[in-house]
Amino acid sequence: MKLQILGGGCTKCKLLEESTRKAVEELSLDCEIVKVTDMDEILDMGVMMTPALAIDGDVKSTGKVLTPEQVKEIIAAV
């Protein structure tokens, strides 16, 4: 599984990355976490508001900082 944090590196993007890493750690998952900062790539994925979270290229959340619990719920639904 590949989790992608989409955003330019702002504070909210960093907070989403922290929440995602914590959720992955708590679930003991073996997955890749990738930061996507290239705005062309972010726009190509259809994201207009950052931060965003995508799983295996499928955008699951945009424009908000998720808590670790919310990230876990999204991962569980995949």
PDB file of N, CA and C in Angstrom:
ATOM      1  N   MET A   1       0.846  -1.174   0.000  1.00  0.00           N
ATOM      2  CA  MET A   1       0.000   0.000   0.000  1.00  0.00           C
ATOM      3  C   MET A   1       0.894   1.240   0.000  1.00  0.00           C
ATOM      4  N   LYS A   2       0.480   2.212  -0.793  1.00  0.00           N
ATOM      5  CA  LYS A   2       1.233   3.460  -0.905  1.00  0.00           C
ATOM      6  C   LYS A   2       0.335   4.615  -0.473  1.00  0.00           C
ATOM      7  N   LEU A   3       0.730   5.301   0.592  1.00  0.00           N
ATOM      8  CA  LEU A   3      -0.005   6.463   1.084  1.00  0.00           C
ATOM      9  C   LEU A   3       0.708   7.712   0.596  1.00  0.00           C
ATOM     10  N   GLN A   4      -0.054   8.619  -0.005  1.00  0.00           N
ATOM     11  CA  GLN A   4       0.534   9.836  -0.553  1.00  0.00           C
ATOM     12  C   GLN A   4      -0.034  11.049   0.173  1.00  0.00           C
ATOM     13  N   ILE A   5       0.869  11.903   0.654  1.00  0.00           N
ATOM     14  CA  ILE A   5       0.506  13.171   1.261  1.00  0.00           C
ATOM     15  C   ILE A   5       0.741  14.229   0.194  1.00  0.00           C
ATOM     16  N   LEU A   6      -0.317  14.888  -0.243  1.00  0.00           N
ATOM     17  CA  LEU A   6      -0.206  15.870  -1.306  1.00  0.00           C
ATOM     18  C   LEU A   6      -0.265  17.275  -0.731  1.00  0.00           C
ATOM     19  N   GLY A   7       0.753  18.072  -1.042  1.00  0.00           N
ATOM     20  CA  GLY A   7       0.782  19.452  -0.580  1.00  0.00           C
ATOM     21  C   GLY A   7       2.159  20.056  -0.758  1.00  0.00           C
ATOM     22  N   GLY A   8       2.196  21.366  -0.689  1.00  0.00           N
ATOM     23  CA  GLY A   8       3.432  22.089  -0.945  1.00  0.00           C
ATOM     24  C   GLY A   8       4.416  22.144   0.207  1.00  0.00           C
ATOM     25  N   GLY A   9       4.062  21.595   1.339  1.00  0.00           N
ATOM     26  CA  GLY A   9       4.976  21.621   2.477  1.00  0.00           C
ATOM     27  C   GLY A   9       4.567  22.595   3.561  1.00  0.00           C
ATOM     28  N   CYS A  10       3.318  23.043   3.529  1.00  0.00           N
ATOM     29  CA  CYS A  10       2.823  23.978   4.542  1.00  0.00           C
ATOM     30  C   CYS A  10       2.638  23.257   5.886  1.00  0.00           C
ATOM     31  N   THR A  11       2.308  24.014   6.892  1.00  0.00           N
ATOM     32  CA  THR A  11       2.114  23.460   8.234  1.00  0.00           C
ATOM     33  C   THR A  11       1.028  22.385   8.238  1.00  0.00           C
ATOM     34  N   LYS A  12      -0.081  22.636   7.554  1.00  0.00           N
ATOM     35  CA  LYS A  12      -1.171  21.662   7.518  1.00  0.00           C
ATOM     36  C   LYS A  12      -0.734  20.367   6.836  1.00  0.00           C
ATOM     37  N   CYS A  13       0.075  20.489   5.795  1.00  0.00           N
ATOM     38  CA  CYS A  13       0.577  19.303   5.091  1.00  0.00           C
ATOM     39  C   CYS A  13       1.462  18.472   6.024  1.00  0.00           C
ATOM     40  N   LYS A  14       2.281  19.159   6.799  1.00  0.00           N
ATOM     41  CA  LYS A  14       3.156  18.461   7.746  1.00  0.00           C
ATOM     42  C   LYS A  14       2.346  17.778   8.841  1.00  0.00           C
ATOM     43  N   LEU A  15       1.282  18.421   9.298  1.00  0.00           N
ATOM     44  CA  LEU A  15       0.424  17.815  10.309  1.00  0.00           C
ATOM     45  C   LEU A  15      -0.281  16.577   9.769  1.00  0.00           C
ATOM     46  N   LEU A  16      -0.732  16.631   8.511  1.00  0.00           N
ATOM     47  CA  LEU A  16      -1.361  15.456   7.902  1.00  0.00           C
ATOM     48  C   LEU A  16      -0.355  14.317   7.783  1.00  0.00           C
ATOM     49  N   GLU A  17       0.876  14.644   7.434  1.00  0.00           N
ATOM     50  CA  GLU A  17       1.907  13.608   7.346  1.00  0.00           C
ATOM     51  C   GLU A  17       2.139  12.971   8.721  1.00  0.00           C
ATOM     52  N   GLU A  18       2.206  13.791   9.768  1.00  0.00           N
ATOM     53  CA  GLU A  18       2.397  13.260  11.124  1.00  0.00           C
ATOM     54  C   GLU A  18       1.245  12.341  11.519  1.00  0.00           C
ATOM     55  N   SER A  19       0.017  12.748  11.231  1.00  0.00           N
ATOM     56  CA  SER A  19      -1.148  11.922  11.550  1.00  0.00           C
ATOM     57  C   SER A  19      -1.114  10.604  10.790  1.00  0.00           C
ATOM     58  N   THR A  20      -0.717  10.678   9.541  1.00  0.00           N
ATOM     59  CA  THR A  20      -0.651   9.473   8.714  1.00  0.00           C
ATOM     60  C   THR A  20       0.415   8.521   9.236  1.00  0.00           C
ATOM     61  N   ARG A  21       1.579   9.052   9.553  1.00  0.00           N
ATOM     62  CA  ARG A  21       2.656   8.201  10.083  1.00  0.00           C
ATOM     63  C   ARG A  21       2.251   7.561  11.419  1.00  0.00           C
ATOM     64  N   LYS A  22       1.565   8.318  12.263  1.00  0.00           N
ATOM     65  CA  LYS A  22       1.123   7.780  13.548  1.00  0.00           C
ATOM     66  C   LYS A  22       0.088   6.682  13.337  1.00  0.00           C
ATOM     67  N   ALA A  23      -0.847   6.889  12.429  1.00  0.00           N
ATOM     68  CA  ALA A  23      -1.874   5.883  12.147  1.00  0.00           C
ATOM     69  C   ALA A  23      -1.243   4.594  11.630  1.00  0.00           C
ATOM     70  N   VAL A  24      -0.289   4.727  10.716  1.00  0.00           N
ATOM     71  CA  VAL A  24       0.394   3.558  10.161  1.00  0.00           C
ATOM     72  C   VAL A  24       1.147   2.809  11.258  1.00  0.00           C
ATOM     73  N   GLU A  25       1.806   3.563  12.128  1.00  0.00           N
ATOM     74  CA  GLU A  25       2.542   2.948  13.235  1.00  0.00           C
ATOM     75  C   GLU A  25       1.593   2.213  14.186  1.00  0.00           C
ATOM     76  N   GLU A  26       0.465   2.844  14.522  1.00  0.00           N
ATOM     77  CA  GLU A  26      -0.491   2.236  15.441  1.00  0.00           C
ATOM     78  C   GLU A  26      -1.133   0.986  14.846  1.00  0.00           C
ATOM     79  N   LEU A  27      -1.296   0.964  13.525  1.00  0.00           N
ATOM     80  CA  LEU A  27      -1.874  -0.203  12.853  1.00  0.00           C
ATOM     81  C   LEU A  27      -0.820  -1.244  12.507  1.00  0.00           C
ATOM     82  N   SER A  28       0.442  -0.929  12.761  1.00  0.00           N
ATOM     83  CA  SER A  28       1.570  -1.824  12.435  1.00  0.00           C
ATOM     84  C   SER A  28       1.547  -2.244  10.965  1.00  0.00           C
ATOM     85  N   LEU A  29       1.317  -1.271  10.105  1.00  0.00           N
ATOM     86  CA  LEU A  29       1.267  -1.542   8.663  1.00  0.00           C
ATOM     87  C   LEU A  29       2.648  -1.402   8.043  1.00  0.00           C
ATOM     88  N   ASP A  30       2.868  -2.203   7.026  1.00  0.00           N
ATOM     89  CA  ASP A  30       4.088  -2.091   6.234  1.00  0.00           C
ATOM     90  C   ASP A  30       3.688  -1.445   4.916  1.00  0.00           C
ATOM     91  N   CYS A  31       3.811  -0.123   4.859  1.00  0.00           N
ATOM     92  CA  CYS A  31       3.419   0.578   3.637  1.00  0.00           C
ATOM     93  C   CYS A  31       4.381   1.731   3.395  1.00  0.00           C
ATOM     94  N   GLU A  32       4.300   2.249   2.202  1.00  0.00           N
ATOM     95  CA  GLU A  32       5.164   3.351   1.790  1.00  0.00           C
ATOM     96  C   GLU A  32       4.401   4.665   1.952  1.00  0.00           C
ATOM     97  N   ILE A  33       5.036   5.649   2.589  1.00  0.00           N
ATOM     98  CA  ILE A  33       4.446   6.981   2.720  1.00  0.00           C
ATOM     99  C   ILE A  33       5.273   7.936   1.872  1.00  0.00           C
ATOM    100  N   VAL A  34       4.600   8.592   0.923  1.00  0.00           N
ATOM    101  CA  VAL A  34       5.280   9.457  -0.033  1.00  0.00           C
ATOM    102  C   VAL A  34       4.695  10.863   0.058  1.00  0.00           C
ATOM    103  N   LYS A  35       5.579  11.868   0.086  1.00  0.00           N
ATOM    104  CA  LYS A  35       5.143  13.260   0.037  1.00  0.00           C
ATOM    105  C   LYS A  35       5.172  13.707  -1.423  1.00  0.00           C
ATOM    106  N   VAL A  36       4.047  14.223  -1.895  1.00  0.00           N
ATOM    107  CA  VAL A  36       3.958  14.736  -3.262  1.00  0.00           C
ATOM    108  C   VAL A  36       3.855  16.251  -3.163  1.00  0.00           C
ATOM    109  N   THR A  37       4.905  16.945  -3.622  1.00  0.00           N
ATOM    110  CA  THR A  37       4.932  18.405  -3.522  1.00  0.00           C
ATOM    111  C   THR A  37       4.846  19.094  -4.885  1.00  0.00           C
ATOM    112  N   ASP A  38       4.954  18.333  -5.965  1.00  0.00           N
ATOM    113  CA  ASP A  38       4.892  18.886  -7.321  1.00  0.00           C
ATOM    114  C   ASP A  38       3.443  19.279  -7.627  1.00  0.00           C
ATOM    115  N   MET A  39       3.199  20.585  -7.752  1.00  0.00           N
ATOM    116  CA  MET A  39       1.836  21.072  -7.956  1.00  0.00           C
ATOM    117  C   MET A  39       1.201  20.538  -9.237  1.00  0.00           C
ATOM    118  N   ASP A  40       1.985  20.311 -10.278  1.00  0.00           N
ATOM    119  CA  ASP A  40       1.421  19.740 -11.509  1.00  0.00           C
ATOM    120  C   ASP A  40       0.906  18.329 -11.251  1.00  0.00           C
ATOM    121  N   GLU A  41       1.672  17.546 -10.507  1.00  0.00           N
ATOM    122  CA  GLU A  41       1.254  16.181 -10.176  1.00  0.00           C
ATOM    123  C   GLU A  41       0.010  16.199  -9.281  1.00  0.00           C
ATOM    124  N   ILE A  42      -0.023  17.131  -8.329  1.00  0.00           N
ATOM    125  CA  ILE A  42      -1.180  17.254  -7.440  1.00  0.00           C
ATOM    126  C   ILE A  42      -2.426  17.616  -8.248  1.00  0.00           C
ATOM    127  N   LEU A  43      -2.293  18.574  -9.148  1.00  0.00           N
ATOM    128  CA  LEU A  43      -3.427  18.972  -9.990  1.00  0.00           C
ATOM    129  C   LEU A  43      -3.851  17.844 -10.917  1.00  0.00           C
ATOM    130  N   ASP A  44      -2.891  17.073 -11.430  1.00  0.00           N
ATOM    131  CA  ASP A  44      -3.211  15.930 -12.295  1.00  0.00           C
ATOM    132  C   ASP A  44      -4.046  14.882 -11.563  1.00  0.00           C
ATOM    133  N   MET A  45      -3.910  14.830 -10.249  1.00  0.00           N
ATOM    134  CA  MET A  45      -4.695  13.884  -9.450  1.00  0.00           C
ATOM    135  C   MET A  45      -6.075  14.448  -9.114  1.00  0.00           C
ATOM    136  N   GLY A  46      -6.353  15.668  -9.585  1.00  0.00           N
ATOM    137  CA  GLY A  46      -7.662  16.286  -9.379  1.00  0.00           C
ATOM    138  C   GLY A  46      -7.807  17.010  -8.061  1.00  0.00           C
ATOM    139  N   VAL A  47      -6.704  17.258  -7.379  1.00  0.00           N
ATOM    140  CA  VAL A  47      -6.744  17.919  -6.072  1.00  0.00           C
ATOM    141  C   VAL A  47      -6.629  19.420  -6.260  1.00  0.00           C
ATOM    142  N   MET A  48      -7.621  20.141  -5.729  1.00  0.00           N
ATOM    143  CA  MET A  48      -7.628  21.595  -5.824  1.00  0.00           C
ATOM    144  C   MET A  48      -7.316  22.249  -4.475  1.00  0.00           C
ATOM    145  N   MET A  49      -7.470  21.481  -3.383  1.00  0.00           N
ATOM    146  CA  MET A  49      -7.181  21.996  -2.044  1.00  0.00           C
ATOM    147  C   MET A  49      -6.262  21.024  -1.323  1.00  0.00           C
ATOM    148  N   THR A  50      -5.206  21.566  -0.741  1.00  0.00           N
ATOM    149  CA  THR A  50      -4.302  20.740   0.035  1.00  0.00           C
ATOM    150  C   THR A  50      -4.448  21.120   1.504  1.00  0.00           C
ATOM    151  N   PRO A  51      -4.055  20.258   2.408  1.00  0.00           N
ATOM    152  CA  PRO A  51      -3.417  18.972   2.168  1.00  0.00           C
ATOM    153  C   PRO A  51      -4.431  17.934   1.700  1.00  0.00           C
ATOM    154  N   ALA A  52      -3.894  16.894   1.080  1.00  0.00           N
ATOM    155  CA  ALA A  52      -4.738  15.802   0.614  1.00  0.00           C
ATOM    156  C   ALA A  52      -4.053  14.481   0.927  1.00  0.00           C
ATOM    157  N   LEU A  53      -4.879  13.448   1.056  1.00  0.00           N
ATOM    158  CA  LEU A  53      -4.383  12.104   1.305  1.00  0.00           C
ATOM    159  C   LEU A  53      -4.888  11.197   0.198  1.00  0.00           C
ATOM    160  N   ALA A  54      -3.972  10.447  -0.398  1.00  0.00           N
ATOM    161  CA  ALA A  54      -4.341   9.475  -1.425  1.00  0.00           C
ATOM    162  C   ALA A  54      -3.772   8.115  -1.030  1.00  0.00           C
ATOM    163  N   ILE A  55      -4.493   7.070  -1.388  1.00  0.00           N
ATOM    164  CA  ILE A  55      -4.028   5.709  -1.164  1.00  0.00           C
ATOM    165  C   ILE A  55      -3.941   5.031  -2.514  1.00  0.00           C
ATOM    166  N   ASP A  56      -2.742   4.579  -2.860  1.00  0.00           N
ATOM    167  CA  ASP A  56      -2.481   3.941  -4.153  1.00  0.00           C
ATOM    168  C   ASP A  56      -3.011   4.791  -5.313  1.00  0.00           C
ATOM    169  N   GLY A  57      -2.822   6.115  -5.208  1.00  0.00           N
ATOM    170  CA  GLY A  57      -3.207   7.021  -6.281  1.00  0.00           C
ATOM    171  C   GLY A  57      -4.657   7.465  -6.264  1.00  0.00           C
ATOM    172  N   ASP A  58      -5.458   6.934  -5.338  1.00  0.00           N
ATOM    173  CA  ASP A  58      -6.876   7.273  -5.230  1.00  0.00           C
ATOM    174  C   ASP A  58      -7.052   8.288  -4.102  1.00  0.00           C
ATOM    175  N   VAL A  59      -7.456   9.508  -4.432  1.00  0.00           N
ATOM    176  CA  VAL A  59      -7.589  10.584  -3.448  1.00  0.00           C
ATOM    177  C   VAL A  59      -8.740  10.271  -2.494  1.00  0.00           C
ATOM    178  N   LYS A  60      -8.440  10.313  -1.197  1.00  0.00           N
ATOM    179  CA  LYS A  60      -9.434   9.982  -0.166  1.00  0.00           C
ATOM    180  C   LYS A  60      -9.883  11.192   0.644  1.00  0.00           C
ATOM    181  N   SER A  61      -9.060  12.231   0.715  1.00  0.00           N
ATOM    182  CA  SER A  61      -9.397  13.409   1.507  1.00  0.00           C
ATOM    183  C   SER A  61      -8.671  14.617   0.938  1.00  0.00           C
ATOM    184  N   THR A  62      -9.357  15.762   0.902  1.00  0.00           N
ATOM    185  CA  THR A  62      -8.716  16.998   0.447  1.00  0.00           C
ATOM    186  C   THR A  62      -9.106  18.156   1.351  1.00  0.00           C
ATOM    187  N   GLY A  63      -8.172  19.081   1.513  1.00  0.00           N
ATOM    188  CA  GLY A  63      -8.458  20.338   2.176  1.00  0.00           C
ATOM    189  C   GLY A  63      -8.577  20.319   3.678  1.00  0.00           C
ATOM    190  N   LYS A  64      -8.196  19.204   4.314  1.00  0.00           N
ATOM    191  CA  LYS A  64      -8.273  19.204   5.774  1.00  0.00           C
ATOM    192  C   LYS A  64      -7.192  18.325   6.388  1.00  0.00           C
ATOM    193  N   VAL A  65      -6.863  18.654   7.623  1.00  0.00           N
ATOM    194  CA  VAL A  65      -5.899  17.869   8.384  1.00  0.00           C
ATOM    195  C   VAL A  65      -6.686  16.793   9.117  1.00  0.00           C
ATOM    196  N   LEU A  66      -6.379  15.552   8.810  1.00  0.00           N
ATOM    197  CA  LEU A  66      -7.051  14.428   9.456  1.00  0.00           C
ATOM    198  C   LEU A  66      -6.334  14.052  10.747  1.00  0.00           C
ATOM    199  N   THR A  67      -7.082  13.532  11.693  1.00  0.00           N
ATOM    200  CA  THR A  67      -6.484  12.987  12.909  1.00  0.00           C
ATOM    201  C   THR A  67      -5.984  11.574  12.593  1.00  0.00           C
ATOM    202  N   PRO A  68      -5.111  11.030  13.436  1.00  0.00           N
ATOM    203  CA  PRO A  68      -4.690   9.646  13.208  1.00  0.00           C
ATOM    204  C   PRO A  68      -5.880   8.685  13.161  1.00  0.00           C
ATOM    205  N   GLU A  69      -6.898   8.928  13.986  1.00  0.00           N
ATOM    206  CA  GLU A  69      -8.090   8.058  13.985  1.00  0.00           C
ATOM    207  C   GLU A  69      -8.819   8.124  12.650  1.00  0.00           C
ATOM    208  N   GLN A  70      -8.934   9.324  12.075  1.00  0.00           N
ATOM    209  CA  GLN A  70      -9.597   9.469  10.777  1.00  0.00           C
ATOM    210  C   GLN A  70      -8.787   8.773   9.679  1.00  0.00           C
ATOM    211  N   VAL A  71      -7.480   8.870   9.745  1.00  0.00           N
ATOM    212  CA  VAL A  71      -6.622   8.197   8.763  1.00  0.00           C
ATOM    213  C   VAL A  71      -6.809   6.689   8.873  1.00  0.00           C
ATOM    214  N   LYS A  72      -6.881   6.179  10.100  1.00  0.00           N
ATOM    215  CA  LYS A  72      -7.076   4.744  10.302  1.00  0.00           C
ATOM    216  C   LYS A  72      -8.406   4.288   9.706  1.00  0.00           C
ATOM    217  N   GLU A  73      -9.458   5.096   9.866  1.00  0.00           N
ATOM    218  CA  GLU A  73     -10.758   4.759   9.297  1.00  0.00           C
ATOM    219  C   GLU A  73     -10.698   4.692   7.770  1.00  0.00           C
ATOM    220  N   ILE A  74      -9.988   5.626   7.161  1.00  0.00           N
ATOM    221  CA  ILE A  74      -9.848   5.635   5.710  1.00  0.00           C
ATOM    222  C   ILE A  74      -9.075   4.408   5.242  1.00  0.00           C
ATOM    223  N   ILE A  75      -7.996   4.081   5.937  1.00  0.00           N
ATOM    224  CA  ILE A  75      -7.200   2.905   5.575  1.00  0.00           C
ATOM    225  C   ILE A  75      -8.031   1.627   5.709  1.00  0.00           C
ATOM    226  N   ALA A  76      -8.814   1.538   6.775  1.00  0.00           N
ATOM    227  CA  ALA A  76      -9.634   0.350   7.018  1.00  0.00           C
ATOM    228  C   ALA A  76     -10.684   0.168   5.937  1.00  0.00           C
ATOM    229  N   ALA A  77     -11.149   1.266   5.349  1.00  0.00           N
ATOM    230  CA  ALA A  77     -12.188   1.201   4.327  1.00  0.00           C
ATOM    231  C   ALA A  77     -11.659   0.779   2.952  1.00  0.00           C
ATOM    232  N   VAL A  78     -10.348   0.722   2.815  1.00  0.00           N
ATOM    233  CA  VAL A  78      -9.756   0.377   1.508  1.00  0.00           C
ATOM    234  C   VAL A  78      -9.768  -1.124   1.320  1.00  0.00           C
TER     235      VAL A  78
END
